[in-house]
Amino acid sequence: MKAHRIETKLTKNGTLILEDLPFEAGEAVEIIVLERFPQPSESNPYPLRGTVIHYDDPFEPAVPIEDWEVLQ
């Protein structure tokens, strides 16, 4: 199976024109149309880099010890 990728835009009336395809006349092809999403901005790929993270007591239980069912 040969594959060929083309990026193009629709005309104002919604028509898609494919030209100069690398296939022979009469050859059966399958067309799949995917929407092209804009690429994310690469200006700052790591926005949290250099920010300060501080934990007051990282080993403190999430709930008070009195509420633990296993200890009762």
N, C-alpha and C. Protein backbone atom coordinates (compact mmCIF):
# COMPACT_ATOMS: atom_id res chain seq x y z
N MET A 1 0.85 -1.17 0.00
CA MET A 1 0.00 0.00 0.00
C MET A 1 0.90 1.23 0.00
N LYS A 2 0.66 2.12 -0.92
CA LYS A 2 1.37 3.39 -0.98
C LYS A 2 0.54 4.43 -0.23
N ALA A 3 1.21 5.33 0.45
CA ALA A 3 0.54 6.43 1.14
C ALA A 3 1.12 7.74 0.65
N HIS A 4 0.28 8.75 0.59
CA HIS A 4 0.71 10.08 0.16
C HIS A 4 0.01 11.10 1.02
N ARG A 5 0.76 12.04 1.54
CA ARG A 5 0.19 13.06 2.44
C ARG A 5 0.25 14.42 1.75
N ILE A 6 -0.88 15.13 1.83
CA ILE A 6 -0.97 16.47 1.28
C ILE A 6 -1.66 17.35 2.31
N GLU A 7 -1.11 18.53 2.54
CA GLU A 7 -1.79 19.51 3.39
C GLU A 7 -2.31 20.59 2.47
N THR A 8 -3.60 20.85 2.54
CA THR A 8 -4.23 21.84 1.68
C THR A 8 -5.38 22.49 2.42
N LYS A 9 -5.98 23.50 1.82
CA LYS A 9 -7.12 24.18 2.43
C LYS A 9 -8.32 24.05 1.52
N LEU A 10 -9.50 24.05 2.13
CA LEU A 10 -10.74 24.00 1.37
C LEU A 10 -10.97 25.34 0.68
N THR A 11 -11.64 25.30 -0.46
CA THR A 11 -12.01 26.54 -1.13
C THR A 11 -13.18 27.16 -0.39
N LYS A 12 -13.58 28.36 -0.78
CA LYS A 12 -14.67 29.07 -0.09
C LYS A 12 -15.98 28.30 -0.11
N ASN A 13 -16.22 27.53 -1.17
CA ASN A 13 -17.47 26.77 -1.24
C ASN A 13 -17.34 25.36 -0.65
N GLY A 14 -16.22 25.07 0.02
CA GLY A 14 -16.05 23.79 0.69
C GLY A 14 -15.51 22.68 -0.20
N THR A 15 -15.00 23.02 -1.37
CA THR A 15 -14.47 22.03 -2.29
C THR A 15 -13.00 21.77 -1.98
N LEU A 16 -12.61 20.53 -2.11
CA LEU A 16 -11.22 20.14 -1.91
C LEU A 16 -10.65 19.68 -3.24
N ILE A 17 -9.53 20.26 -3.65
CA ILE A 17 -8.91 19.91 -4.92
C ILE A 17 -7.57 19.25 -4.65
N LEU A 18 -7.40 18.05 -5.17
CA LEU A 18 -6.15 17.31 -5.04
C LEU A 18 -5.50 17.21 -6.41
N GLU A 19 -4.29 17.73 -6.53
CA GLU A 19 -3.59 17.72 -7.81
C GLU A 19 -2.23 17.06 -7.65
N ASP A 20 -1.71 16.56 -8.76
CA ASP A 20 -0.36 15.96 -8.81
C ASP A 20 -0.20 14.80 -7.83
N LEU A 21 -1.19 13.92 -7.78
CA LEU A 21 -1.10 12.75 -6.92
C LEU A 21 -0.20 11.70 -7.57
N PRO A 22 0.54 10.94 -6.78
CA PRO A 22 1.47 9.96 -7.33
C PRO A 22 0.83 8.60 -7.62
N PHE A 23 -0.38 8.60 -8.18
CA PHE A 23 -1.09 7.37 -8.48
C PHE A 23 -1.45 7.36 -9.96
N GLU A 24 -1.64 6.17 -10.50
CA GLU A 24 -2.00 6.01 -11.91
C GLU A 24 -3.49 6.28 -12.12
N ALA A 25 -3.84 6.74 -13.30
CA ALA A 25 -5.24 6.96 -13.64
C ALA A 25 -6.01 5.65 -13.56
N GLY A 26 -7.17 5.66 -12.95
CA GLY A 26 -7.99 4.46 -12.82
C GLY A 26 -7.66 3.63 -11.59
N GLU A 27 -6.61 3.96 -10.87
CA GLU A 27 -6.21 3.22 -9.68
C GLU A 27 -7.16 3.56 -8.52
N ALA A 28 -7.59 2.56 -7.78
CA ALA A 28 -8.49 2.78 -6.64
C ALA A 28 -7.69 3.34 -5.47
N VAL A 29 -8.22 4.40 -4.84
CA VAL A 29 -7.57 5.01 -3.69
C VAL A 29 -8.60 5.22 -2.59
N GLU A 30 -8.13 5.37 -1.37
CA GLU A 30 -9.00 5.66 -0.23
C GLU A 30 -8.64 7.06 0.27
N ILE A 31 -9.65 7.88 0.49
CA ILE A 31 -9.44 9.25 0.94
C ILE A 31 -9.92 9.38 2.39
N ILE A 32 -9.06 9.86 3.27
CA ILE A 32 -9.40 10.13 4.66
C ILE A 32 -9.10 11.60 4.90
N VAL A 33 -10.08 12.35 5.38
CA VAL A 33 -9.91 13.77 5.62
C VAL A 33 -9.87 14.01 7.12
N LEU A 34 -8.79 14.61 7.60
CA LEU A 34 -8.62 14.92 9.02
C LEU A 34 -8.47 16.43 9.19
N GLU A 35 -9.09 16.95 10.24
CA GLU A 35 -8.95 18.37 10.54
C GLU A 35 -7.55 18.62 11.10
N ARG A 36 -6.93 19.66 10.64
CA ARG A 36 -5.59 20.00 11.10
C ARG A 36 -5.71 20.97 12.27
N PHE A 37 -5.25 20.58 13.45
CA PHE A 37 -5.31 21.44 14.61
C PHE A 37 -4.06 22.31 14.66
N PRO A 38 -4.18 23.52 15.15
CA PRO A 38 -3.00 24.38 15.24
C PRO A 38 -1.98 23.79 16.20
N GLN A 39 -0.73 23.95 15.87
CA GLN A 39 0.35 23.44 16.71
C GLN A 39 0.42 24.27 17.99
N PRO A 40 0.65 23.64 19.14
CA PRO A 40 0.78 24.41 20.38
C PRO A 40 2.01 25.31 20.32
N SER A 41 1.93 26.40 21.01
CA SER A 41 3.04 27.35 21.02
C SER A 41 4.24 26.73 21.72
N GLU A 42 5.38 26.81 21.09
CA GLU A 42 6.61 26.26 21.66
C GLU A 42 7.39 27.32 22.42
N SER A 43 6.77 28.48 22.70
CA SER A 43 7.50 29.56 23.35
C SER A 43 7.98 29.16 24.75
N ASN A 44 7.17 28.43 25.50
CA ASN A 44 7.56 27.98 26.82
C ASN A 44 6.98 26.59 27.06
N PRO A 45 7.69 25.53 26.66
CA PRO A 45 7.13 24.18 26.83
C PRO A 45 7.10 23.71 28.28
N TYR A 46 7.83 24.38 29.19
CA TYR A 46 7.87 24.00 30.61
C TYR A 46 7.50 25.22 31.47
N PRO A 47 6.21 25.57 31.54
CA PRO A 47 5.83 26.80 32.24
C PRO A 47 6.08 26.77 33.75
N LEU A 48 6.20 25.60 34.36
CA LEU A 48 6.41 25.52 35.81
C LEU A 48 7.89 25.40 36.19
N ARG A 49 8.76 25.34 35.21
CA ARG A 49 10.19 25.21 35.51
C ARG A 49 10.67 26.45 36.27
N GLY A 50 11.37 26.21 37.39
CA GLY A 50 11.91 27.30 38.19
C GLY A 50 10.97 27.83 39.26
N THR A 51 9.73 27.34 39.31
CA THR A 51 8.82 27.79 40.35
C THR A 51 9.15 27.07 41.66
N VAL A 52 8.90 27.74 42.75
CA VAL A 52 9.23 27.19 44.07
C VAL A 52 8.06 26.36 44.58
N ILE A 53 8.36 25.14 45.02
CA ILE A 53 7.36 24.27 45.62
C ILE A 53 7.78 24.05 47.07
N HIS A 54 6.85 24.29 47.99
CA HIS A 54 7.18 24.19 49.41
C HIS A 54 6.11 23.35 50.11
N TYR A 55 6.56 22.35 50.87
CA TYR A 55 5.66 21.52 51.66
C TYR A 55 5.90 21.81 53.13
N ASP A 56 4.85 22.18 53.86
CA ASP A 56 5.00 22.45 55.29
C ASP A 56 5.30 21.17 56.06
N ASP A 57 4.51 20.14 55.84
CA ASP A 57 4.73 18.85 56.50
C ASP A 57 4.31 17.75 55.54
N PRO A 58 5.20 17.30 54.67
CA PRO A 58 4.81 16.35 53.62
C PRO A 58 4.40 14.98 54.16
N PHE A 59 4.76 14.64 55.39
CA PHE A 59 4.41 13.32 55.92
C PHE A 59 3.22 13.37 56.87
N GLU A 60 2.56 14.50 56.95
CA GLU A 60 1.37 14.63 57.77
C GLU A 60 0.24 13.81 57.13
N PRO A 61 -0.56 13.07 57.94
CA PRO A 61 -1.66 12.29 57.36
C PRO A 61 -2.71 13.20 56.73
N ALA A 62 -3.40 12.69 55.74
CA ALA A 62 -4.43 13.46 55.05
C ALA A 62 -5.65 13.70 55.94
N VAL A 63 -5.92 12.78 56.85
CA VAL A 63 -7.02 12.92 57.81
C VAL A 63 -6.46 12.75 59.22
N PRO A 64 -7.13 13.30 60.23
CA PRO A 64 -6.62 13.12 61.60
C PRO A 64 -6.55 11.64 61.98
N ILE A 65 -5.59 11.30 62.80
CA ILE A 65 -5.39 9.90 63.21
C ILE A 65 -6.62 9.35 63.93
N GLU A 66 -7.37 10.21 64.64
CA GLU A 66 -8.57 9.77 65.34
C GLU A 66 -9.63 9.24 64.39
N ASP A 67 -9.59 9.65 63.13
CA ASP A 67 -10.61 9.22 62.16
C ASP A 67 -10.23 7.92 61.45
N TRP A 68 -9.08 7.35 61.71
CA TRP A 68 -8.68 6.13 61.04
C TRP A 68 -9.46 4.95 61.62
N GLU A 69 -10.19 4.25 60.80
CA GLU A 69 -11.00 3.13 61.28
C GLU A 69 -10.13 1.95 61.73
N VAL A 70 -9.00 1.77 61.14
CA VAL A 70 -8.16 0.63 61.46
C VAL A 70 -7.58 0.71 62.86
N LEU A 71 -7.45 1.91 63.42
CA LEU A 71 -6.89 2.09 64.75
C LEU A 71 -7.93 2.00 65.86
N GLN A 72 -9.20 1.87 65.50
CA GLN A 72 -10.26 1.84 66.52
C GLN A 72 -10.65 0.44 66.89
